[in-house]
All heavy atoms as atom14 arrays in JSON, in Angstrom:
{
  "sequence": "MVSSGAIAEGMKRLGWSARPRELNELQAAAAVGQMGLAQMYETK",
  "atom14_mask": [
    [1, 1, 1, 1, 1, 1, 1, 1, 0, 0, 0, 0, 0, 0],
    [1, 1, 1, 1, 1, 1, 1, 0, 0, 0, 0, 0, 0, 0],
    [1, 1, 1, 1, 1, 1, 0, 0, 0, 0, 0, 0, 0, 0],
    [1, 1, 1, 1, 1, 1, 0, 0, 0, 0, 0, 0, 0, 0],
    [1, 1, 1, 1, 0, 0, 0, 0, 0, 0, 0, 0, 0, 0],
    [1, 1, 1, 1, 1, 0, 0, 0, 0, 0, 0, 0, 0, 0],
    [1, 1, 1, 1, 1, 1, 1, 1, 0, 0, 0, 0, 0, 0],
    [1, 1, 1, 1, 1, 0, 0, 0, 0, 0, 0, 0, 0, 0],
    [1, 1, 1, 1, 1, 1, 1, 1, 1, 0, 0, 0, 0, 0],
    [1, 1, 1, 1, 0, 0, 0, 0, 0, 0, 0, 0, 0, 0],
    [1, 1, 1, 1, 1, 1, 1, 1, 0, 0, 0, 0, 0, 0],
    [1, 1, 1, 1, 1, 1, 1, 1, 1, 0, 0, 0, 0, 0],
    [1, 1, 1, 1, 1, 1, 1, 1, 1, 1, 1, 0, 0, 0],
    [1, 1, 1, 1, 1, 1, 1, 1, 0, 0, 0, 0, 0, 0],
    [1, 1, 1, 1, 0, 0, 0, 0, 0, 0, 0, 0, 0, 0],
    [1, 1, 1, 1, 1, 1, 1, 1, 1, 1, 1, 1, 1, 1],
    [1, 1, 1, 1, 1, 1, 0, 0, 0, 0, 0, 0, 0, 0],
    [1, 1, 1, 1, 1, 0, 0, 0, 0, 0, 0, 0, 0, 0],
    [1, 1, 1, 1, 1, 1, 1, 1, 1, 1, 1, 0, 0, 0],
    [1, 1, 1, 1, 1, 1, 1, 0, 0, 0, 0, 0, 0, 0],
    [1, 1, 1, 1, 1, 1, 1, 1, 1, 1, 1, 0, 0, 0],
    [1, 1, 1, 1, 1, 1, 1, 1, 1, 0, 0, 0, 0, 0],
    [1, 1, 1, 1, 1, 1, 1, 1, 0, 0, 0, 0, 0, 0],
    [1, 1, 1, 1, 1, 1, 1, 1, 0, 0, 0, 0, 0, 0],
    [1, 1, 1, 1, 1, 1, 1, 1, 1, 0, 0, 0, 0, 0],
    [1, 1, 1, 1, 1, 1, 1, 1, 0, 0, 0, 0, 0, 0],
    [1, 1, 1, 1, 1, 1, 1, 1, 1, 0, 0, 0, 0, 0],
    [1, 1, 1, 1, 1, 0, 0, 0, 0, 0, 0, 0, 0, 0],
    [1, 1, 1, 1, 1, 0, 0, 0, 0, 0, 0, 0, 0, 0],
    [1, 1, 1, 1, 1, 0, 0, 0, 0, 0, 0, 0, 0, 0],
    [1, 1, 1, 1, 1, 0, 0, 0, 0, 0, 0, 0, 0, 0],
    [1, 1, 1, 1, 1, 1, 1, 0, 0, 0, 0, 0, 0, 0],
    [1, 1, 1, 1, 0, 0, 0, 0, 0, 0, 0, 0, 0, 0],
    [1, 1, 1, 1, 1, 1, 1, 1, 1, 0, 0, 0, 0, 0],
    [1, 1, 1, 1, 1, 1, 1, 1, 0, 0, 0, 0, 0, 0],
    [1, 1, 1, 1, 0, 0, 0, 0, 0, 0, 0, 0, 0, 0],
    [1, 1, 1, 1, 1, 1, 1, 1, 0, 0, 0, 0, 0, 0],
    [1, 1, 1, 1, 1, 0, 0, 0, 0, 0, 0, 0, 0, 0],
    [1, 1, 1, 1, 1, 1, 1, 1, 1, 0, 0, 0, 0, 0],
    [1, 1, 1, 1, 1, 1, 1, 1, 0, 0, 0, 0, 0, 0],
    [1, 1, 1, 1, 1, 1, 1, 1, 1, 1, 1, 1, 0, 0],
    [1, 1, 1, 1, 1, 1, 1, 1, 1, 0, 0, 0, 0, 0],
    [1, 1, 1, 1, 1, 1, 1, 0, 0, 0, 0, 0, 0, 0],
    [1, 1, 1, 1, 1, 1, 1, 1, 1, 0, 0, 0, 0, 0]
  ],
  "atom14_positions": [
    [[-0.52, -17.68, 1.16], [-1.23, -16.51, 1.67], [-1.46, -15.51, 0.55], [-0.51, -15.15, -0.16], [-0.44, -15.86, 2.81], [-0.98, -14.52, 3.28], [-2.6, -14.66, 4.1], [-2.1, -15.01, 5.79], [0.0, 0.0, 0.0], [0.0, 0.0, 0.0], [0.0, 0.0, 0.0], [0.0, 0.0, 0.0], [0.0, 0.0, 0.0], [0.0, 0.0, 0.0]],
    [[-2.69, -15.07, 0.36], [-3.02, -13.99, -0.56], [-3.45, -12.81, 0.3], [-4.47, -12.89, 0.99], [-4.14, -14.38, -1.54], [-4.53, -13.18, -2.41], [-3.71, -15.56, -2.4], [0.0, 0.0, 0.0], [0.0, 0.0, 0.0], [0.0, 0.0, 0.0], [0.0, 0.0, 0.0], [0.0, 0.0, 0.0], [0.0, 0.0, 0.0], [0.0, 0.0, 0.0]],
    [[-2.68, -11.75, 0.29], [-2.92, -10.65, 1.22], [-3.19, -9.34, 0.49], [-2.42, -8.94, -0.38], [-1.73, -10.47, 2.15], [-1.96, -9.38, 3.04], [0.0, 0.0, 0.0], [0.0, 0.0, 0.0], [0.0, 0.0, 0.0], [0.0, 0.0, 0.0], [0.0, 0.0, 0.0], [0.0, 0.0, 0.0], [0.0, 0.0, 0.0], [0.0, 0.0, 0.0]],
    [[-4.26, -8.71, 0.86], [-4.5, -7.33, 0.46], [-3.68, -6.41, 1.37], [-2.98, -6.87, 2.26], [-5.99, -6.99, 0.56], [-6.75, -7.85, -0.24], [0.0, 0.0, 0.0], [0.0, 0.0, 0.0], [0.0, 0.0, 0.0], [0.0, 0.0, 0.0], [0.0, 0.0, 0.0], [0.0, 0.0, 0.0], [0.0, 0.0, 0.0], [0.0, 0.0, 0.0]],
    [[-3.8, -5.12, 1.14], [-3.22, -4.17, 2.08], [-2.15, -3.26, 1.53], [-1.8, -2.27, 2.2], [0.0, 0.0, 0.0], [0.0, 0.0, 0.0], [0.0, 0.0, 0.0], [0.0, 0.0, 0.0], [0.0, 0.0, 0.0], [0.0, 0.0, 0.0], [0.0, 0.0, 0.0], [0.0, 0.0, 0.0], [0.0, 0.0, 0.0], [0.0, 0.0, 0.0]],
    [[-1.6, -3.54, 0.33], [-0.51, -2.71, -0.16], [-0.98, -1.28, -0.41], [-0.33, -0.31, 0.0], [0.07, -3.31, -1.44], [0.0, 0.0, 0.0], [0.0, 0.0, 0.0], [0.0, 0.0, 0.0], [0.0, 0.0, 0.0], [0.0, 0.0, 0.0], [0.0, 0.0, 0.0], [0.0, 0.0, 0.0], [0.0, 0.0, 0.0], [0.0, 0.0, 0.0]],
    [[-2.12, -1.11, -1.1], [-2.61, 0.23, -1.4], [-3.0, 0.95, -0.11], [-2.67, 2.13, 0.09], [-3.78, 0.17, -2.39], [-3.28, -0.26, -3.78], [-4.48, 1.53, -2.48], [-4.36, -0.38, -4.82], [0.0, 0.0, 0.0], [0.0, 0.0, 0.0], [0.0, 0.0, 0.0], [0.0, 0.0, 0.0], [0.0, 0.0, 0.0], [0.0, 0.0, 0.0]],
    [[-3.68, 0.24, 0.78], [-4.1, 0.86, 2.04], [-2.9, 1.3, 2.87], [-2.89, 2.39, 3.45], [-4.96, -0.12, 2.83], [0.0, 0.0, 0.0], [0.0, 0.0, 0.0], [0.0, 0.0, 0.0], [0.0, 0.0, 0.0], [0.0, 0.0, 0.0], [0.0, 0.0, 0.0], [0.0, 0.0, 0.0], [0.0, 0.0, 0.0], [0.0, 0.0, 0.0]],
    [[-1.86, 0.48, 2.92], [-0.66, 0.86, 3.66], [0.05, 2.02, 2.98], [0.56, 2.94, 3.64], [0.29, -0.34, 3.77], [1.66, -0.04, 4.35], [1.65, 0.43, 5.79], [0.57, 0.41, 6.43], [2.72, 0.85, 6.28], [0.0, 0.0, 0.0], [0.0, 0.0, 0.0], [0.0, 0.0, 0.0], [0.0, 0.0, 0.0], [0.0, 0.0, 0.0]],
    [[0.07, 2.02, 1.65], [0.66, 3.14, 0.93], [-0.09, 4.43, 1.17], [0.53, 5.5, 1.32], [0.0, 0.0, 0.0], [0.0, 0.0, 0.0], [0.0, 0.0, 0.0], [0.0, 0.0, 0.0], [0.0, 0.0, 0.0], [0.0, 0.0, 0.0], [0.0, 0.0, 0.0], [0.0, 0.0, 0.0], [0.0, 0.0, 0.0], [0.0, 0.0, 0.0]],
    [[-1.42, 4.35, 1.2], [-2.22, 5.54, 1.51], [-1.86, 6.1, 2.87], [-1.7, 7.32, 3.04], [-3.71, 5.18, 1.47], [-4.28, 4.93, 0.09], [-5.93, 4.16, 0.16], [-6.79, 5.25, 1.29], [0.0, 0.0, 0.0], [0.0, 0.0, 0.0], [0.0, 0.0, 0.0], [0.0, 0.0, 0.0], [0.0, 0.0, 0.0], [0.0, 0.0, 0.0]],
    [[-1.7, 5.22, 3.84], [-1.36, 5.66, 5.19], [0.01, 6.34, 5.21], [0.2, 7.4, 5.81], [-1.41, 4.47, 6.13], [-1.17, 4.82, 7.6], [0.21, 4.39, 8.04], [0.41, 4.66, 9.52], [1.79, 4.29, 9.97], [0.0, 0.0, 0.0], [0.0, 0.0, 0.0], [0.0, 0.0, 0.0], [0.0, 0.0, 0.0], [0.0, 0.0, 0.0]],
    [[0.99, 5.72, 4.52], [2.34, 6.28, 4.51], [2.4, 7.6, 3.76], [3.24, 8.45, 4.06], [3.3, 5.28, 3.88], [3.5, 4.02, 4.72], [4.57, 3.11, 4.15], [4.84, 1.99, 5.04], [5.97, 1.3, 5.07], [6.96, 1.64, 4.25], [6.13, 0.3, 5.9], [0.0, 0.0, 0.0], [0.0, 0.0, 0.0], [0.0, 0.0, 0.0]],
    [[1.52, 7.76, 2.77], [1.49, 9.0, 1.99], [0.58, 10.05, 2.6], [0.49, 11.17, 2.1], [1.05, 8.7, 0.55], [2.04, 7.87, -0.28], [1.37, 7.39, -1.57], [3.28, 8.7, -0.59], [0.0, 0.0, 0.0], [0.0, 0.0, 0.0], [0.0, 0.0, 0.0], [0.0, 0.0, 0.0], [0.0, 0.0, 0.0], [0.0, 0.0, 0.0]],
    [[-0.13, 9.7, 3.66], [-1.01, 10.64, 4.32], [-2.33, 10.87, 3.61], [-2.97, 11.91, 3.8], [0.0, 0.0, 0.0], [0.0, 0.0, 0.0], [0.0, 0.0, 0.0], [0.0, 0.0, 0.0], [0.0, 0.0, 0.0], [0.0, 0.0, 0.0], [0.0, 0.0, 0.0], [0.0, 0.0, 0.0], [0.0, 0.0, 0.0], [0.0, 0.0, 0.0]],
    [[-2.78, 9.91, 2.79], [-4.04, 10.04, 2.07], [-5.17, 9.39, 2.87], [-5.06, 8.23, 3.27], [-3.95, 9.37, 0.7], [-2.94, 9.99, -0.22], [-2.29, 11.18, -0.05], [-2.45, 9.45, -1.45], [-1.43, 11.42, -1.09], [-1.5, 10.37, -1.97], [-2.71, 8.28, -2.16], [-0.83, 10.16, -3.16], [-2.04, 8.06, -3.35], [-1.11, 8.98, -3.84]],
    [[-6.25, 10.1, 3.06], [-7.37, 9.57, 3.85], [-8.41, 8.88, 2.98], [-9.18, 8.05, 3.47], [-8.04, 10.7, 4.64], [-8.51, 11.71, 3.76], [0.0, 0.0, 0.0], [0.0, 0.0, 0.0], [0.0, 0.0, 0.0], [0.0, 0.0, 0.0], [0.0, 0.0, 0.0], [0.0, 0.0, 0.0], [0.0, 0.0, 0.0], [0.0, 0.0, 0.0]],
    [[-8.46, 9.2, 1.7], [-9.44, 8.6, 0.79], [-8.71, 7.84, -0.31], [-7.66, 8.28, -0.79], [-10.34, 9.67, 0.18], [0.0, 0.0, 0.0], [0.0, 0.0, 0.0], [0.0, 0.0, 0.0], [0.0, 0.0, 0.0], [0.0, 0.0, 0.0], [0.0, 0.0, 0.0], [0.0, 0.0, 0.0], [0.0, 0.0, 0.0], [0.0, 0.0, 0.0]],
    [[-9.27, 6.72, -0.7], [-8.68, 5.92, -1.77], [-8.7, 6.71, -3.07], [-9.74, 7.19, -3.51], [-9.46, 4.62, -1.94], [-8.87, 3.65, -2.98], [-9.77, 2.43, -3.14], [-9.28, 1.54, -4.17], [-8.51, 0.48, -3.95], [-8.15, 0.18, -2.72], [-8.12, -0.29, -4.95], [0.0, 0.0, 0.0], [0.0, 0.0, 0.0], [0.0, 0.0, 0.0]],
    [[-7.55, 6.88, -3.71], [-7.52, 7.68, -4.95], [-8.24, 6.97, -6.09], [-8.38, 5.75, -6.09], [-6.02, 7.81, -5.24], [-5.39, 6.64, -4.56], [-6.22, 6.38, -3.34], [0.0, 0.0, 0.0], [0.0, 0.0, 0.0], [0.0, 0.0, 0.0], [0.0, 0.0, 0.0], [0.0, 0.0, 0.0], [0.0, 0.0, 0.0], [0.0, 0.0, 0.0]],
    [[-8.67, 7.75, -7.06], [-9.35, 7.19, -8.23], [-8.44, 7.08, -9.44], [-8.67, 6.25, -10.31], [-10.57, 8.05, -8.58], [-11.65, 8.06, -7.5], [-12.86, 8.86, -7.94], [-13.92, 8.85, -6.93], [-15.09, 9.45, -7.08], [-15.35, 10.15, -8.2], [-15.99, 9.39, -6.12], [0.0, 0.0, 0.0], [0.0, 0.0, 0.0], [0.0, 0.0, 0.0]],
    [[-7.44, 7.93, -9.51], [-6.54, 7.9, -10.65], [-5.62, 6.67, -10.57], [-5.07, 6.36, -9.52], [-5.69, 9.18, -10.7], [-6.5, 10.45, -10.94], [-7.18, 10.45, -12.29], [-6.6, 9.89, -13.24], [-8.29, 11.01, -12.38], [0.0, 0.0, 0.0], [0.0, 0.0, 0.0], [0.0, 0.0, 0.0], [0.0, 0.0, 0.0], [0.0, 0.0, 0.0]],
    [[-5.47, 5.99, -11.71], [-4.7, 4.76, -11.75], [-3.26, 4.99, -11.33], [-2.68, 4.2, -10.57], [-4.75, 4.15, -13.15], [-4.02, 2.82, -13.34], [-4.6, 1.74, -12.43], [-4.09, 2.38, -14.81], [0.0, 0.0, 0.0], [0.0, 0.0, 0.0], [0.0, 0.0, 0.0], [0.0, 0.0, 0.0], [0.0, 0.0, 0.0], [0.0, 0.0, 0.0]],
    [[-2.65, 6.09, -11.79], [-1.25, 6.33, -11.44], [-1.06, 6.55, -9.95], [-0.04, 6.18, -9.37], [-0.7, 7.52, -12.24], [-1.44, 8.81, -11.93], [-2.67, 8.83, -11.89], [-0.71, 9.89, -11.72], [0.0, 0.0, 0.0], [0.0, 0.0, 0.0], [0.0, 0.0, 0.0], [0.0, 0.0, 0.0], [0.0, 0.0, 0.0], [0.0, 0.0, 0.0]],
    [[-2.06, 7.14, -9.28], [-1.96, 7.34, -7.84], [-2.13, 6.02, -7.1], [-1.47, 5.77, -6.08], [-3.0, 8.36, -7.38], [-2.73, 9.78, -7.89], [-3.78, 10.76, -7.41], [-4.91, 10.32, -7.09], [-3.47, 11.97, -7.35], [0.0, 0.0, 0.0], [0.0, 0.0, 0.0], [0.0, 0.0, 0.0], [0.0, 0.0, 0.0], [0.0, 0.0, 0.0]],
    [[-3.03, 5.15, -7.58], [-3.19, 3.82, -7.0], [-1.89, 3.03, -7.13], [-1.47, 2.33, -6.2], [-4.34, 3.07, -7.67], [-5.75, 3.52, -7.33], [-6.75, 2.88, -8.28], [-6.1, 3.16, -5.89], [0.0, 0.0, 0.0], [0.0, 0.0, 0.0], [0.0, 0.0, 0.0], [0.0, 0.0, 0.0], [0.0, 0.0, 0.0], [0.0, 0.0, 0.0]],
    [[-1.27, 3.13, -8.3], [-0.01, 2.41, -8.52], [1.09, 2.93, -7.61], [1.89, 2.15, -7.07], [0.39, 2.53, -9.99], [-0.54, 1.77, -10.93], [-0.27, 2.06, -12.4], [0.16, 3.15, -12.74], [-0.53, 1.08, -13.25], [0.0, 0.0, 0.0], [0.0, 0.0, 0.0], [0.0, 0.0, 0.0], [0.0, 0.0, 0.0], [0.0, 0.0, 0.0]],
    [[1.12, 4.25, -7.42], [2.13, 4.83, -6.53], [1.9, 4.37, -5.09], [2.85, 4.03, -4.37], [2.09, 6.35, -6.62], [0.0, 0.0, 0.0], [0.0, 0.0, 0.0], [0.0, 0.0, 0.0], [0.0, 0.0, 0.0], [0.0, 0.0, 0.0], [0.0, 0.0, 0.0], [0.0, 0.0, 0.0], [0.0, 0.0, 0.0], [0.0, 0.0, 0.0]],
    [[0.65, 4.37, -4.66], [0.34, 3.92, -3.3], [0.73, 2.46, -3.11], [1.26, 2.07, -2.06], [-1.14, 4.12, -3.01], [0.0, 0.0, 0.0], [0.0, 0.0, 0.0], [0.0, 0.0, 0.0], [0.0, 0.0, 0.0], [0.0, 0.0, 0.0], [0.0, 0.0, 0.0], [0.0, 0.0, 0.0], [0.0, 0.0, 0.0], [0.0, 0.0, 0.0]],
    [[0.46, 1.64, -4.13], [0.82, 0.23, -4.05], [2.33, 0.05, -3.94], [2.82, -0.78, -3.17], [0.28, -0.52, -5.27], [0.0, 0.0, 0.0], [0.0, 0.0, 0.0], [0.0, 0.0, 0.0], [0.0, 0.0, 0.0], [0.0, 0.0, 0.0], [0.0, 0.0, 0.0], [0.0, 0.0, 0.0], [0.0, 0.0, 0.0], [0.0, 0.0, 0.0]],
    [[3.07, 0.82, -4.72], [4.53, 0.71, -4.7], [5.09, 1.06, -3.32], [6.01, 0.41, -2.82], [5.14, 1.62, -5.77], [0.0, 0.0, 0.0], [0.0, 0.0, 0.0], [0.0, 0.0, 0.0], [0.0, 0.0, 0.0], [0.0, 0.0, 0.0], [0.0, 0.0, 0.0], [0.0, 0.0, 0.0], [0.0, 0.0, 0.0], [0.0, 0.0, 0.0]],
    [[4.53, 2.09, -2.71], [4.98, 2.49, -1.37], [4.57, 1.45, -0.33], [5.37, 1.02, 0.51], [4.4, 3.87, -1.01], [4.71, 4.22, 0.45], [4.96, 4.95, -1.93], [0.0, 0.0, 0.0], [0.0, 0.0, 0.0], [0.0, 0.0, 0.0], [0.0, 0.0, 0.0], [0.0, 0.0, 0.0], [0.0, 0.0, 0.0], [0.0, 0.0, 0.0]],
    [[3.31, 1.01, -0.4], [2.8, 0.09, 0.61], [3.34, -1.31, 0.52], [3.43, -2.02, 1.53], [0.0, 0.0, 0.0], [0.0, 0.0, 0.0], [0.0, 0.0, 0.0], [0.0, 0.0, 0.0], [0.0, 0.0, 0.0], [0.0, 0.0, 0.0], [0.0, 0.0, 0.0], [0.0, 0.0, 0.0], [0.0, 0.0, 0.0], [0.0, 0.0, 0.0]],
    [[3.7, -1.73, -0.69], [4.19, -3.11, -0.86], [5.47, -3.35, -0.06], [5.71, -4.46, 0.42], [4.44, -3.37, -2.34], [4.58, -4.83, -2.7], [3.32, -5.63, -2.42], [3.31, -6.48, -1.54], [2.26, -5.34, -3.16], [0.0, 0.0, 0.0], [0.0, 0.0, 0.0], [0.0, 0.0, 0.0], [0.0, 0.0, 0.0], [0.0, 0.0, 0.0]],
    [[6.28, -2.31, 0.1], [7.51, -2.45, 0.87], [7.21, -2.86, 2.3], [7.78, -3.82, 2.83], [8.29, -1.13, 0.85], [8.73, -0.68, -0.53], [9.98, -1.76, -1.23], [11.38, -1.35, -0.18], [0.0, 0.0, 0.0], [0.0, 0.0, 0.0], [0.0, 0.0, 0.0], [0.0, 0.0, 0.0], [0.0, 0.0, 0.0], [0.0, 0.0, 0.0]],
    [[6.3, -2.14, 2.93], [5.97, -2.44, 4.32], [5.25, -3.76, 4.48], [5.48, -4.5, 5.45], [0.0, 0.0, 0.0], [0.0, 0.0, 0.0], [0.0, 0.0, 0.0], [0.0, 0.0, 0.0], [0.0, 0.0, 0.0], [0.0, 0.0, 0.0], [0.0, 0.0, 0.0], [0.0, 0.0, 0.0], [0.0, 0.0, 0.0], [0.0, 0.0, 0.0]],
    [[4.35, -4.06, 3.53], [3.58, -5.3, 3.62], [4.48, -6.53, 3.53], [4.38, -7.45, 4.34], [2.53, -5.33, 2.5], [1.5, -6.45, 2.56], [0.58, -6.27, 3.75], [0.68, -6.48, 1.27], [0.0, 0.0, 0.0], [0.0, 0.0, 0.0], [0.0, 0.0, 0.0], [0.0, 0.0, 0.0], [0.0, 0.0, 0.0], [0.0, 0.0, 0.0]],
    [[5.38, -6.53, 2.55], [6.29, -7.67, 2.4], [7.21, -7.8, 3.61], [7.46, -8.92, 4.09], [7.1, -7.5, 1.12], [0.0, 0.0, 0.0], [0.0, 0.0, 0.0], [0.0, 0.0, 0.0], [0.0, 0.0, 0.0], [0.0, 0.0, 0.0], [0.0, 0.0, 0.0], [0.0, 0.0, 0.0], [0.0, 0.0, 0.0], [0.0, 0.0, 0.0]],
    [[7.7, -6.69, 4.11], [8.6, -6.73, 5.26], [7.88, -7.28, 6.49], [8.44, -8.08, 7.24], [9.15, -5.34, 5.55], [10.13, -5.29, 6.71], [10.63, -3.88, 6.99], [9.86, -2.93, 6.92], [11.9, -3.76, 7.32], [0.0, 0.0, 0.0], [0.0, 0.0, 0.0], [0.0, 0.0, 0.0], [0.0, 0.0, 0.0], [0.0, 0.0, 0.0]],
    [[6.63, -6.88, 6.67], [5.88, -7.33, 7.84], [5.65, -8.84, 7.8], [5.86, -9.55, 8.79], [4.54, -6.6, 7.91], [3.69, -6.99, 9.12], [4.39, -6.41, 10.69], [4.05, -4.65, 10.54], [0.0, 0.0, 0.0], [0.0, 0.0, 0.0], [0.0, 0.0, 0.0], [0.0, 0.0, 0.0], [0.0, 0.0, 0.0], [0.0, 0.0, 0.0]],
    [[5.23, -9.34, 6.63], [4.99, -10.79, 6.54], [6.3, -11.56, 6.7], [6.33, -12.61, 7.37], [4.33, -11.12, 5.21], [2.83, -11.04, 5.26], [2.14, -9.98, 4.66], [2.08, -12.0, 5.92], [0.77, -9.89, 4.72], [0.7, -11.91, 5.99], [0.05, -10.86, 5.39], [-1.32, -10.77, 5.46], [0.0, 0.0, 0.0], [0.0, 0.0, 0.0]],
    [[7.38, -11.08, 6.09], [8.65, -11.78, 6.2], [9.09, -11.86, 7.67], [9.53, -12.92, 8.14], [9.7, -11.07, 5.35], [10.96, -11.9, 5.09], [11.97, -11.86, 6.22], [11.95, -10.87, 6.98], [12.74, -12.82, 6.36], [0.0, 0.0, 0.0], [0.0, 0.0, 0.0], [0.0, 0.0, 0.0], [0.0, 0.0, 0.0], [0.0, 0.0, 0.0]],
    [[8.94, -10.76, 8.38], [9.35, -10.72, 9.78], [8.52, -11.65, 10.63], [9.05, -12.45, 11.42], [9.25, -9.29, 10.32], [10.12, -8.43, 9.57], [9.62, -9.22, 11.79], [0.0, 0.0, 0.0], [0.0, 0.0, 0.0], [0.0, 0.0, 0.0], [0.0, 0.0, 0.0], [0.0, 0.0, 0.0], [0.0, 0.0, 0.0], [0.0, 0.0, 0.0]],
    [[7.2, -11.58, 10.5], [6.31, -12.37, 11.35], [6.37, -13.86, 11.02], [6.28, -14.71, 11.91], [4.89, -11.84, 11.25], [4.72, -10.43, 11.79], [5.16, -10.36, 13.24], [5.08, -8.96, 13.8], [5.56, -8.9, 15.22], [0.0, 0.0, 0.0], [0.0, 0.0, 0.0], [0.0, 0.0, 0.0], [0.0, 0.0, 0.0], [0.0, 0.0, 0.0]]
  ]
}
């Protein structure tokens, strides 16, 4: 399985409505979102 969604989930958890343009903010969103994404797939 190749799954997108880490940045989008991170945006949601961080309360961001628009996808950031700065690389460091994208990386931060990915770091936050990857936790939930991996946990969801592992559980299901």
